[in-house]
Amino acid sequence: MKKTVNIPTEELECLREHLNEAFRILKSLGIKTEGEIPSVKPKKKPVPFQKGVNNYMSLLGSGKQRTLPKHLQTKKTTR
């Protein structure tokens, strides 16, 4: 059997603010709250040394300025 309680909107907003601050404090202490799924970032694969050198050499040979070598450029994702 479920019971319902009527709470004024102002009091509910105040309680929500307190709850959000409590979660923020817990996060700052490194405590993970339930229901929060940590985001998983794919690890970058290291580029072999010689391939990095070759990328820099091709960049220097091209004469372009203010650009990164191929292995350091970020790829734009398409949706």
N, C-alpha and C. Protein backbone atom coordinates (compact mmCIF):
# COMPACT_ATOMS: atom_id res chain seq x y z
N MET A 1 0.83 -1.16 0.00
CA MET A 1 0.00 0.00 0.00
C MET A 1 0.89 1.24 0.00
N LYS A 2 0.69 2.08 -0.98
CA LYS A 2 1.48 3.29 -1.11
C LYS A 2 0.76 4.45 -0.45
N LYS A 3 1.57 5.27 0.24
CA LYS A 3 1.01 6.48 0.84
C LYS A 3 1.54 7.68 0.09
N THR A 4 0.74 8.68 -0.07
CA THR A 4 1.17 9.90 -0.74
C THR A 4 1.19 11.05 0.25
N VAL A 5 2.14 11.96 0.04
CA VAL A 5 2.27 13.12 0.90
C VAL A 5 2.28 14.35 0.02
N ASN A 6 1.54 15.36 0.37
CA ASN A 6 1.50 16.60 -0.39
C ASN A 6 2.54 17.56 0.18
N ILE A 7 3.44 18.03 -0.68
CA ILE A 7 4.48 18.97 -0.28
C ILE A 7 4.34 20.21 -1.15
N PRO A 8 4.42 21.38 -0.55
CA PRO A 8 4.35 22.60 -1.36
C PRO A 8 5.53 22.67 -2.34
N THR A 9 5.30 23.31 -3.48
CA THR A 9 6.32 23.39 -4.53
C THR A 9 7.59 24.07 -4.04
N GLU A 10 7.46 25.13 -3.25
CA GLU A 10 8.64 25.84 -2.75
C GLU A 10 9.50 24.95 -1.88
N GLU A 11 8.85 24.17 -1.01
CA GLU A 11 9.59 23.27 -0.13
C GLU A 11 10.24 22.14 -0.92
N LEU A 12 9.56 21.66 -1.94
CA LEU A 12 10.11 20.60 -2.79
C LEU A 12 11.35 21.10 -3.52
N GLU A 13 11.31 22.33 -4.04
CA GLU A 13 12.48 22.90 -4.73
C GLU A 13 13.64 23.06 -3.76
N CYS A 14 13.35 23.48 -2.53
CA CYS A 14 14.39 23.63 -1.52
C CYS A 14 15.05 22.28 -1.21
N LEU A 15 14.23 21.25 -1.07
CA LEU A 15 14.75 19.91 -0.80
C LEU A 15 15.60 19.41 -1.96
N ARG A 16 15.17 19.71 -3.19
CA ARG A 16 15.93 19.29 -4.37
C ARG A 16 17.30 19.97 -4.40
N GLU A 17 17.35 21.26 -4.05
CA GLU A 17 18.63 21.98 -4.01
C GLU A 17 19.57 21.37 -2.97
N HIS A 18 19.03 21.03 -1.79
CA HIS A 18 19.85 20.41 -0.76
C HIS A 18 20.37 19.05 -1.21
N LEU A 19 19.53 18.29 -1.87
CA LEU A 19 19.93 16.98 -2.36
C LEU A 19 21.02 17.10 -3.41
N ASN A 20 20.88 18.05 -4.33
CA ASN A 20 21.89 18.25 -5.37
C ASN A 20 23.23 18.67 -4.76
N GLU A 21 23.21 19.53 -3.74
CA GLU A 21 24.44 19.95 -3.07
C GLU A 21 25.09 18.77 -2.35
N ALA A 22 24.27 17.93 -1.73
CA ALA A 22 24.81 16.75 -1.05
C ALA A 22 25.49 15.82 -2.05
N PHE A 23 24.88 15.60 -3.22
CA PHE A 23 25.48 14.77 -4.25
C PHE A 23 26.78 15.39 -4.76
N ARG A 24 26.80 16.71 -4.91
CA ARG A 24 28.01 17.39 -5.38
C ARG A 24 29.15 17.21 -4.37
N ILE A 25 28.84 17.30 -3.09
CA ILE A 25 29.87 17.11 -2.06
C ILE A 25 30.37 15.68 -2.07
N LEU A 26 29.47 14.71 -2.21
CA LEU A 26 29.89 13.31 -2.26
C LEU A 26 30.77 13.04 -3.47
N LYS A 27 30.42 13.63 -4.62
CA LYS A 27 31.24 13.45 -5.82
C LYS A 27 32.62 14.03 -5.63
N SER A 28 32.71 15.19 -4.97
CA SER A 28 34.02 15.83 -4.77
C SER A 28 34.90 14.99 -3.86
N LEU A 29 34.29 14.19 -3.00
CA LEU A 29 35.06 13.31 -2.11
C LEU A 29 35.41 11.98 -2.78
N GLY A 30 34.92 11.78 -3.99
CA GLY A 30 35.24 10.57 -4.74
C GLY A 30 34.28 9.43 -4.51
N ILE A 31 33.17 9.68 -3.85
CA ILE A 31 32.19 8.65 -3.59
C ILE A 31 31.21 8.61 -4.75
N LYS A 32 31.02 7.42 -5.30
CA LYS A 32 30.09 7.28 -6.41
C LYS A 32 28.70 6.99 -5.87
N THR A 33 27.72 7.69 -6.39
CA THR A 33 26.35 7.50 -5.95
C THR A 33 25.70 6.43 -6.81
N GLU A 34 24.67 5.79 -6.25
CA GLU A 34 23.98 4.75 -7.01
C GLU A 34 23.23 5.36 -8.18
N GLY A 35 23.11 4.61 -9.23
CA GLY A 35 22.39 5.09 -10.39
C GLY A 35 23.26 5.90 -11.33
N GLU A 36 24.46 6.20 -10.92
CA GLU A 36 25.36 6.98 -11.77
C GLU A 36 26.28 6.01 -12.50
N ILE A 37 26.25 6.05 -13.78
CA ILE A 37 27.09 5.16 -14.59
C ILE A 37 28.29 5.97 -15.07
N PRO A 38 29.49 5.54 -14.71
CA PRO A 38 30.66 6.29 -15.16
C PRO A 38 30.83 6.18 -16.67
N SER A 39 31.20 7.28 -17.28
CA SER A 39 31.39 7.27 -18.73
C SER A 39 32.67 6.52 -19.07
N VAL A 40 32.62 5.78 -20.14
CA VAL A 40 33.77 4.99 -20.56
C VAL A 40 34.36 5.65 -21.79
N LYS A 41 35.61 6.09 -21.68
CA LYS A 41 36.28 6.69 -22.82
C LYS A 41 37.17 5.63 -23.46
N PRO A 42 37.11 5.52 -24.75
CA PRO A 42 38.01 4.57 -25.40
C PRO A 42 39.45 5.06 -25.27
N LYS A 43 40.33 4.12 -24.97
CA LYS A 43 41.74 4.49 -24.82
C LYS A 43 42.36 4.73 -26.19
N LYS A 44 43.22 5.76 -26.23
CA LYS A 44 43.93 6.03 -27.47
C LYS A 44 45.06 5.02 -27.63
N LYS A 45 45.16 4.49 -28.81
CA LYS A 45 46.24 3.55 -29.07
C LYS A 45 47.52 4.34 -29.31
N PRO A 46 48.61 3.94 -28.68
CA PRO A 46 49.85 4.67 -28.91
C PRO A 46 50.34 4.48 -30.34
N VAL A 47 50.87 5.53 -30.90
CA VAL A 47 51.40 5.49 -32.26
C VAL A 47 52.86 5.05 -32.17
N PRO A 48 53.27 4.10 -33.00
CA PRO A 48 54.68 3.71 -32.97
C PRO A 48 55.58 4.92 -33.25
N PHE A 49 56.75 4.91 -32.66
CA PHE A 49 57.67 6.04 -32.75
C PHE A 49 57.99 6.40 -34.20
N GLN A 50 58.31 5.41 -35.01
CA GLN A 50 58.70 5.68 -36.39
C GLN A 50 57.55 6.28 -37.19
N LYS A 51 56.33 5.82 -36.92
CA LYS A 51 55.18 6.37 -37.63
C LYS A 51 54.97 7.83 -37.24
N GLY A 52 55.18 8.18 -35.97
CA GLY A 52 55.08 9.56 -35.52
C GLY A 52 56.13 10.43 -36.20
N VAL A 53 57.35 9.92 -36.31
CA VAL A 53 58.42 10.65 -36.97
C VAL A 53 58.06 10.87 -38.44
N ASN A 54 57.53 9.84 -39.09
CA ASN A 54 57.15 9.97 -40.50
C ASN A 54 56.03 11.01 -40.67
N ASN A 55 55.09 11.03 -39.72
CA ASN A 55 54.02 12.02 -39.80
C ASN A 55 54.57 13.44 -39.68
N TYR A 56 55.51 13.65 -38.76
CA TYR A 56 56.12 14.96 -38.60
C TYR A 56 56.92 15.35 -39.85
N MET A 57 57.64 14.39 -40.43
CA MET A 57 58.43 14.67 -41.63
C MET A 57 57.53 15.06 -42.80
N SER A 58 56.40 14.35 -42.96
CA SER A 58 55.50 14.70 -44.05
C SER A 58 54.86 16.07 -43.81
N LEU A 59 54.60 16.41 -42.56
CA LEU A 59 54.04 17.72 -42.24
C LEU A 59 55.04 18.83 -42.54
N LEU A 60 56.29 18.62 -42.16
CA LEU A 60 57.33 19.62 -42.45
C LEU A 60 57.54 19.77 -43.96
N GLY A 61 57.47 18.66 -44.68
CA GLY A 61 57.65 18.70 -46.13
C GLY A 61 56.50 19.38 -46.85
N SER A 62 55.31 19.35 -46.27
CA SER A 62 54.16 19.95 -46.94
C SER A 62 54.17 21.48 -46.86
N GLY A 63 54.84 22.02 -45.86
CA GLY A 63 54.92 23.47 -45.72
C GLY A 63 53.71 24.10 -45.05
N LYS A 64 52.76 23.29 -44.56
CA LYS A 64 51.58 23.84 -43.90
C LYS A 64 51.98 24.39 -42.54
N GLN A 65 51.28 25.45 -42.13
CA GLN A 65 51.54 26.03 -40.83
C GLN A 65 50.31 25.86 -39.94
N ARG A 66 50.56 25.81 -38.65
CA ARG A 66 49.51 25.70 -37.63
C ARG A 66 48.63 24.47 -37.83
N THR A 67 49.20 23.36 -38.19
CA THR A 67 48.45 22.12 -38.29
C THR A 67 49.18 21.06 -37.48
N LEU A 68 48.46 20.06 -37.08
CA LEU A 68 49.03 18.96 -36.32
C LEU A 68 49.35 17.80 -37.26
N PRO A 69 50.29 16.95 -36.88
CA PRO A 69 50.54 15.74 -37.66
C PRO A 69 49.31 14.84 -37.66
N LYS A 70 49.25 13.91 -38.59
CA LYS A 70 48.07 13.07 -38.75
C LYS A 70 47.70 12.32 -37.49
N HIS A 71 48.69 11.82 -36.74
CA HIS A 71 48.37 11.00 -35.58
C HIS A 71 47.88 11.83 -34.39
N LEU A 72 47.98 13.17 -34.44
CA LEU A 72 47.51 14.01 -33.36
C LEU A 72 46.22 14.76 -33.71
N GLN A 73 45.75 14.65 -34.94
CA GLN A 73 44.53 15.33 -35.34
C GLN A 73 43.33 14.55 -34.80
N THR A 74 42.33 15.29 -34.32
CA THR A 74 41.12 14.63 -33.85
C THR A 74 40.18 14.44 -35.03
N LYS A 75 39.55 13.31 -35.04
CA LYS A 75 38.62 12.99 -36.12
C LYS A 75 37.23 13.40 -35.71
N LYS A 76 36.51 14.08 -36.58
CA LYS A 76 35.14 14.49 -36.30
C LYS A 76 34.23 13.29 -36.52
N THR A 77 33.35 13.06 -35.55
CA THR A 77 32.42 11.97 -35.68
C THR A 77 31.18 12.43 -36.43
N THR A 78 30.63 11.55 -37.21
CA THR A 78 29.41 11.88 -37.94
C THR A 78 28.27 11.09 -37.31
N ARG A 79 27.13 11.73 -37.25
CA ARG A 79 25.97 11.05 -36.65
C ARG A 79 24.97 10.69 -37.69
